[in-house]
Amino acid sequence: MTYDWNPLVQQLSGTPLAQWAASLPEQMALRLAKGHGDLERWQAAVQAIPAGLTAEQIELRDSLNLNGPCTPEQQAELERALRGLIPWRKGPFHLFDVHIDTEWRSDWKWERVTPHINLKGKRVLDVGCGNGYYLWRMLGAGARTLVGIDPNWLFFCQFNALKRFMPEAPVWHLPIALEDLPPKLEGFDTVFSMGVLYHRRSPIDHLLELKDCLKPGGELVLETLVVEGGPQTVLVPEDRYAQMRNVWFLPSVPALECWLRRAGFTHIHCVDINRTTVEEQRSTDWMRFQSLPEFLDPNNPLKTVEGLPAPLRATLVARK
């Protein structure tokens, strides 16, 4: 399966990102050459999507819904192909009346975030973009150019399943990590980091790397797990947190604001604090592994199975 990166190179020509963009085709070729043991199978699932389907109605602002003429046979074929990309974690997606009921109700998080940002005409980077669900919603919010990065190959293929229906959209998913970007890019109007910070062993380094991607005056949208407490409150799990091994630092909101100031951000505002519920994150027919209901103390939903505070998530907006 081949990927054409030239439209992205052209989209970024004449911007501060032009030099980096020119190197992308070679970087992506090297990355694809390394691949993944299941990549061929996932690519085959994307290619199995019926070629005759055309999205004549595209709704990205209030939901993610694509529709158009689709026979029962095509719909069944489409669902088989999409099920070849299970598990689906971020969503939901409504594609030609195939409802992908993802683990996360990511639309709920988006509804909490979107009143506090303005993406019209913006060049946006989404770090840890997963399958690109938020990229499409950002396009619906009026963003001009959207680049998501996430090294997970399954998420890359899930994104490309959607891209088949919107090939001309100025939205791209790069299967790379933040550390694979050149230093001091300084080319994006807005950078998102949602659900990434607590996976970083050095959270302030992560904030500095995000700032390096922003133009002067650019905006960071940071969403992460937090705990209640004062400016010096930071939870460091001894081992697992909600059964996740790779959770390192959960700060209070005041501590996180301090980290942002130390990293050089200004105009810092916490725009949302929300406790994750078992209605927002749960197992479904499209993600059959354990999820939040199994990660909480069955006798006290305010605690994880490890006895730690249950997931509380905050969204902060800051400027470079």
Protein backbone atom coordinates (compact mmCIF):
# COMPACT_ATOMS: atom_id res chain seq x y z
CA MET A 1 0.00 0.00 0.00
CA THR A 2 1.48 3.35 -1.03
CA TYR A 3 1.02 6.77 0.54
CA ASP A 4 1.39 10.08 -1.25
CA TRP A 5 2.89 12.74 1.00
CA ASN A 6 3.27 15.37 -1.73
CA PRO A 7 -0.05 17.12 -0.94
CA LEU A 8 1.20 17.70 2.61
CA VAL A 9 4.56 18.94 1.31
CA GLN A 10 2.72 21.38 -0.96
CA GLN A 11 0.35 22.44 1.82
CA LEU A 12 3.30 23.40 4.02
CA SER A 13 5.41 25.04 1.32
CA GLY A 14 5.98 28.70 2.03
CA THR A 15 5.48 28.17 5.78
CA PRO A 16 8.03 27.78 8.59
CA LEU A 17 7.43 24.02 8.23
CA ALA A 18 8.51 23.83 4.57
CA GLN A 19 11.99 22.44 5.20
CA TRP A 20 10.68 19.75 7.50
CA ALA A 21 7.89 18.90 5.07
CA ALA A 22 10.38 18.42 2.24
CA SER A 23 12.10 15.69 4.26
CA LEU A 24 8.87 13.86 5.11
CA PRO A 25 8.59 11.53 2.09
CA GLU A 26 12.01 10.03 2.87
CA GLN A 27 11.29 9.87 6.61
CA MET A 28 7.96 8.14 6.01
CA ALA A 29 9.51 5.68 3.55
CA LEU A 30 12.07 4.65 6.16
CA ARG A 31 9.39 4.34 8.82
CA LEU A 32 7.15 2.23 6.59
CA ALA A 33 10.10 0.01 5.68
CA LYS A 34 10.42 -0.92 9.37
CA GLY A 35 6.68 -1.46 9.61
CA HIS A 36 4.97 -3.78 12.07
CA GLY A 37 4.12 -7.47 12.10
CA ASP A 38 0.40 -6.77 11.65
CA LEU A 39 0.72 -3.80 9.30
CA GLU A 40 0.06 -5.82 6.15
CA ARG A 41 -3.12 -7.28 7.67
CA TRP A 42 -4.38 -3.86 8.75
CA GLN A 43 -3.57 -2.35 5.36
CA ALA A 44 -5.50 -5.18 3.73
CA ALA A 45 -8.51 -4.28 5.89
CA VAL A 46 -8.32 -0.68 4.67
CA GLN A 47 -8.08 -1.84 1.07
CA ALA A 48 -11.12 -4.09 1.59
CA ILE A 49 -13.35 -1.02 2.05
CA PRO A 50 -15.73 -1.01 -0.95
CA ALA A 51 -14.28 1.19 -3.66
CA GLY A 52 -17.66 2.38 -4.90
CA LEU A 53 -18.68 4.20 -1.72
CA THR A 54 -18.72 7.98 -1.97
CA ALA A 55 -19.39 10.22 1.02
CA GLU A 56 -21.93 12.68 -0.38
CA GLN A 57 -22.90 13.97 3.08
CA ILE A 58 -19.99 14.78 5.41
CA GLU A 59 -20.72 16.01 8.94
CA LEU A 60 -17.67 16.87 11.04
CA ARG A 61 -18.77 19.82 13.14
CA ASP A 62 -21.44 18.33 15.41
CA SER A 63 -20.52 14.65 15.00
CA LEU A 64 -18.45 12.43 12.70
CA ASN A 65 -20.96 11.14 10.19
CA LEU A 66 -20.35 10.19 6.56
CA ASN A 67 -23.17 9.06 4.34
CA GLY A 68 -24.13 8.43 0.75
CA PRO A 69 -25.58 5.74 -1.50
CA CYS A 70 -24.75 2.33 -0.05
CA THR A 71 -26.28 -1.03 -0.85
CA PRO A 72 -26.81 -3.62 1.91
CA GLU A 73 -23.99 -5.65 0.36
CA GLN A 74 -21.60 -2.68 0.43
CA GLN A 75 -22.58 -1.89 4.01
CA ALA A 76 -21.85 -5.47 5.11
CA GLU A 77 -18.53 -5.37 3.24
CA LEU A 78 -17.65 -2.04 4.87
CA GLU A 79 -18.43 -3.33 8.35
CA ARG A 80 -16.29 -6.46 7.79
CA ALA A 81 -13.39 -4.28 6.69
CA LEU A 82 -13.71 -1.91 9.65
CA ARG A 83 -13.95 -4.81 12.08
CA GLY A 84 -10.61 -5.94 10.70
CA LEU A 85 -9.19 -2.85 12.44
CA ILE A 86 -10.54 -3.68 15.93
CA PRO A 87 -9.93 -2.44 18.64
CA TRP A 88 -11.31 1.05 18.01
CA ARG A 89 -10.60 3.30 21.00
CA LYS A 90 -11.41 6.91 20.01
CA GLY A 91 -14.66 7.87 18.32
CA PRO A 92 -17.54 7.25 17.71
CA PHE A 93 -17.79 7.09 13.93
CA HIS A 94 -20.94 6.81 11.80
CA LEU A 95 -19.96 5.59 8.35
CA PHE A 96 -22.73 4.81 5.88
CA ASP A 97 -24.93 3.69 8.81
CA VAL A 98 -22.19 1.50 10.26
CA HIS A 99 -21.88 2.71 13.84
CA ILE A 100 -18.41 2.23 15.33
CA ASP A 101 -19.10 2.35 19.06
CA THR A 102 -15.59 3.05 20.32
CA GLU A 103 -14.21 2.54 23.83
CA TRP A 104 -14.12 6.29 24.45
CA ARG A 105 -16.97 8.71 23.88
CA SER A 106 -14.39 11.15 22.52
CA ASP A 107 -17.19 13.39 21.29
CA TRP A 108 -17.98 14.20 24.93
CA LYS A 109 -14.41 15.39 25.54
CA TRP A 110 -14.49 17.41 22.32
CA GLU A 111 -17.70 19.11 23.40
CA ARG A 112 -15.97 20.15 26.64
CA VAL A 113 -12.89 21.49 24.83
CA THR A 114 -14.24 23.20 21.73
CA PRO A 115 -16.04 26.17 23.40
CA HIS A 116 -12.66 27.41 24.65
CA ILE A 117 -10.68 27.43 21.39
CA ASN A 118 -10.87 28.99 17.94
CA LEU A 119 -9.36 26.88 15.16
CA LYS A 120 -10.65 28.80 12.13
CA GLY A 121 -7.87 29.07 9.56
CA LYS A 122 -5.30 27.55 11.93
CA ARG A 123 -2.40 25.20 11.24
CA VAL A 124 -2.73 22.50 13.91
CA LEU A 125 -0.56 19.71 15.31
CA ASP A 126 -2.20 16.93 17.37
CA VAL A 127 0.43 15.03 19.38
CA GLY A 128 -0.60 11.47 20.22
CA CYS A 129 -3.55 11.78 17.85
CA GLY A 130 -4.60 8.12 18.06
CA ASN A 131 -6.77 7.20 15.10
CA GLY A 132 -7.30 10.85 14.20
CA TYR A 133 -10.83 11.28 15.53
CA TYR A 134 -10.05 14.75 16.87
CA LEU A 135 -8.28 15.74 13.64
CA TRP A 136 -11.53 15.31 11.74
CA ARG A 137 -13.48 17.22 14.39
CA MET A 138 -10.85 20.00 14.21
CA LEU A 139 -11.41 20.15 10.46
CA GLY A 140 -15.12 20.54 11.17
CA ALA A 141 -14.21 23.43 13.50
CA GLY A 142 -12.56 25.27 10.61
CA ALA A 143 -8.85 24.42 10.88
CA ARG A 144 -6.89 25.01 7.65
CA THR A 145 -4.15 22.36 7.91
CA LEU A 146 -4.07 19.43 10.32
CA VAL A 147 -1.16 17.14 11.14
CA GLY A 148 -1.45 14.33 13.68
CA ILE A 149 1.44 12.25 14.96
CA ASP A 150 1.18 8.86 16.65
CA PRO A 151 3.58 5.93 16.14
CA ASN A 152 0.84 3.30 16.57
CA TRP A 153 0.37 1.51 13.24
CA LEU A 154 -3.18 0.33 13.94
CA PHE A 155 -4.25 3.92 14.62
CA PHE A 156 -2.52 4.98 11.39
CA CYS A 157 -4.57 2.42 9.44
CA GLN A 158 -7.80 3.40 11.16
CA PHE A 159 -7.14 7.01 10.15
CA ASN A 160 -6.52 5.96 6.56
CA ALA A 161 -9.81 4.07 6.51
CA LEU A 162 -11.50 7.45 7.03
CA LYS A 163 -9.14 9.24 4.67
CA ARG A 164 -10.34 6.99 1.82
CA PHE A 165 -13.66 8.85 1.95
CA MET A 166 -12.08 12.32 2.25
CA PRO A 167 -8.86 12.07 0.20
CA GLU A 168 -8.67 15.80 -0.55
CA ALA A 169 -9.08 16.91 3.06
CA PRO A 170 -6.04 18.81 4.43
CA VAL A 171 -5.62 16.25 7.21
CA TRP A 172 -2.64 13.92 7.65
CA HIS A 173 -1.56 11.29 10.15
CA LEU A 174 2.18 10.67 10.47
CA PRO A 175 3.17 7.38 12.18
CA ILE A 176 5.92 9.01 14.24
CA ALA A 177 6.44 10.23 17.81
CA LEU A 178 7.04 13.75 19.09
CA GLU A 179 10.76 13.05 19.48
CA ASP A 180 10.93 12.28 15.75
CA LEU A 181 10.16 15.91 14.91
CA PRO A 182 13.03 18.34 14.32
CA PRO A 183 13.76 20.71 17.20
CA LYS A 184 12.48 24.29 17.10
CA LEU A 185 9.85 23.74 14.39
CA GLU A 186 7.92 26.84 15.52
CA GLY A 187 5.37 26.46 12.74
CA PHE A 188 1.97 25.58 14.24
CA ASP A 189 -0.72 28.00 15.40
CA THR A 190 -2.20 25.44 17.79
CA VAL A 191 -0.76 22.28 19.34
CA PHE A 192 -2.89 19.68 21.10
CA SER A 193 -1.59 17.18 23.64
CA MET A 194 -4.54 15.20 24.97
CA GLY A 195 -3.99 12.13 27.10
CA VAL A 196 -0.20 12.12 26.65
CA LEU A 197 1.48 14.02 29.50
CA TYR A 198 0.98 11.35 32.17
CA HIS A 199 2.71 8.80 29.94
CA ARG A 200 5.88 10.91 29.87
CA ARG A 201 8.74 10.21 32.27
CA SER A 202 9.78 13.86 32.01
CA PRO A 203 6.61 15.95 31.80
CA ILE A 204 8.28 19.37 31.70
CA ASP A 205 10.49 18.21 28.81
CA HIS A 206 7.25 17.25 27.06
CA LEU A 207 5.88 20.76 27.61
CA LEU A 208 9.10 22.29 26.24
CA GLU A 209 8.90 20.06 23.15
CA LEU A 210 5.29 21.12 22.58
CA LYS A 211 6.28 24.77 22.91
CA ASP A 212 9.03 24.27 20.31
CA CYS A 213 6.35 23.24 17.79
CA LEU A 214 4.37 26.46 18.27
CA LYS A 215 4.77 29.76 16.49
CA PRO A 216 5.37 32.74 18.80
CA GLY A 217 1.98 33.56 20.27
CA GLY A 218 0.67 30.09 19.43
CA GLU A 219 -1.74 28.20 21.65
CA LEU A 220 -1.31 24.92 23.53
CA VAL A 221 -4.35 22.79 24.38
CA LEU A 222 -3.27 20.35 27.11
CA GLU A 223 -5.54 17.63 28.48
CA THR A 224 -4.26 15.20 31.08
CA LEU A 225 -5.02 13.21 34.22
CA VAL A 226 -4.82 15.27 37.40
CA VAL A 227 -5.41 14.88 41.11
CA GLU A 228 -6.94 17.22 43.64
CA GLY A 229 -4.54 19.30 45.71
CA GLY A 230 -2.35 22.36 45.97
CA PRO A 231 0.67 23.67 44.04
CA GLN A 232 3.01 20.98 45.43
CA THR A 233 0.66 18.01 44.95
CA VAL A 234 1.85 15.40 42.44
CA LEU A 235 0.92 11.72 42.49
CA VAL A 236 3.61 9.27 41.34
CA PRO A 237 2.09 5.77 41.20
CA GLU A 238 4.22 3.07 42.78
CA ASP A 239 3.40 0.62 39.99
CA ARG A 240 0.17 0.68 37.99
CA TYR A 241 -2.50 3.35 37.80
CA ALA A 242 -5.94 2.08 36.71
CA GLN A 243 -4.05 -0.99 35.45
CA MET A 244 -1.80 1.16 33.24
CA ARG A 245 1.93 0.60 33.76
CA ASN A 246 3.10 3.69 31.88
CA VAL A 247 1.64 6.40 34.11
CA TRP A 248 4.32 8.53 35.74
CA PHE A 249 3.10 11.89 37.06
CA LEU A 250 -0.41 13.07 37.94
CA PRO A 251 -0.19 16.70 39.11
CA SER A 252 -2.85 18.85 40.68
CA VAL A 253 -4.12 21.65 38.46
CA PRO A 254 -2.12 24.28 40.42
CA ALA A 255 1.02 22.14 40.06
CA LEU A 256 0.38 21.73 36.34
CA GLU A 257 -0.03 25.48 35.97
CA CYS A 258 3.33 25.89 37.70
CA TRP A 259 4.92 23.41 35.27
CA LEU A 260 3.53 25.39 32.34
CA ARG A 261 4.91 28.64 33.74
CA ARG A 262 8.33 27.01 34.28
CA ALA A 263 8.22 25.84 30.65
CA GLY A 264 7.68 29.44 29.54
CA PHE A 265 3.94 29.48 28.80
CA THR A 266 1.71 32.45 29.62
CA HIS A 267 -2.05 33.19 29.71
CA ILE A 268 -2.65 29.82 31.37
CA HIS A 269 -6.27 28.89 32.00
CA CYS A 270 -7.87 25.67 33.22
CA VAL A 271 -11.02 25.48 31.12
CA ASP A 272 -12.42 22.12 32.22
CA ILE A 273 -12.13 19.54 34.99
CA ASN A 274 -14.12 16.35 34.54
CA ARG A 275 -14.23 13.00 36.30
CA THR A 276 -14.21 10.14 33.77
CA THR A 277 -17.29 7.96 34.07
CA VAL A 278 -17.93 4.37 33.02
CA GLU A 279 -20.36 5.76 30.43
CA GLU A 280 -17.53 7.72 28.78
CA GLN A 281 -14.94 4.91 28.76
CA ARG A 282 -16.06 1.29 28.55
CA SER A 283 -15.79 -1.95 26.60
CA THR A 284 -17.91 -2.25 23.47
CA ASP A 285 -18.37 -4.65 20.59
CA TRP A 286 -15.66 -2.66 18.80
CA MET A 287 -13.22 -2.74 21.77
CA ARG A 288 -13.65 -5.95 23.72
CA PHE A 289 -10.80 -5.68 26.21
CA GLN A 290 -11.17 -4.53 29.81
CA SER A 291 -11.89 -0.83 30.28
CA LEU A 292 -12.64 1.69 33.02
CA PRO A 293 -15.37 -0.34 34.82
CA GLU A 294 -12.78 -3.06 35.48
CA PHE A 295 -10.12 -0.52 36.53
CA LEU A 296 -12.15 1.02 39.36
CA ASP A 297 -12.65 -0.30 42.89
CA PRO A 298 -15.99 -2.18 42.70
CA ASN A 299 -16.86 -0.92 46.20
CA ASN A 300 -15.75 2.70 45.70
CA PRO A 301 -15.89 4.27 42.22
CA LEU A 302 -13.80 7.21 43.47
CA LYS A 303 -10.80 4.86 43.74
CA THR A 304 -8.92 2.77 41.19
CA VAL A 305 -8.37 -0.94 41.82
CA GLU A 306 -4.97 0.06 43.22
CA GLY A 307 -6.63 2.34 45.80
CA LEU A 308 -5.54 5.56 44.07
CA PRO A 309 -7.83 8.48 43.15
CA ALA A 310 -10.09 7.61 40.22
CA PRO A 311 -9.39 9.31 36.87
CA LEU A 312 -9.94 13.05 36.93
CA ARG A 313 -9.06 14.94 33.76
CA ALA A 314 -8.32 18.62 33.25
CA THR A 315 -7.93 20.71 30.10
CA LEU A 316 -5.68 23.76 30.18
CA VAL A 317 -5.09 26.35 27.46
CA ALA A 318 -1.84 28.37 27.39
CA ARG A 319 0.13 30.63 25.07
CA LYS A 320 3.72 30.62 23.91
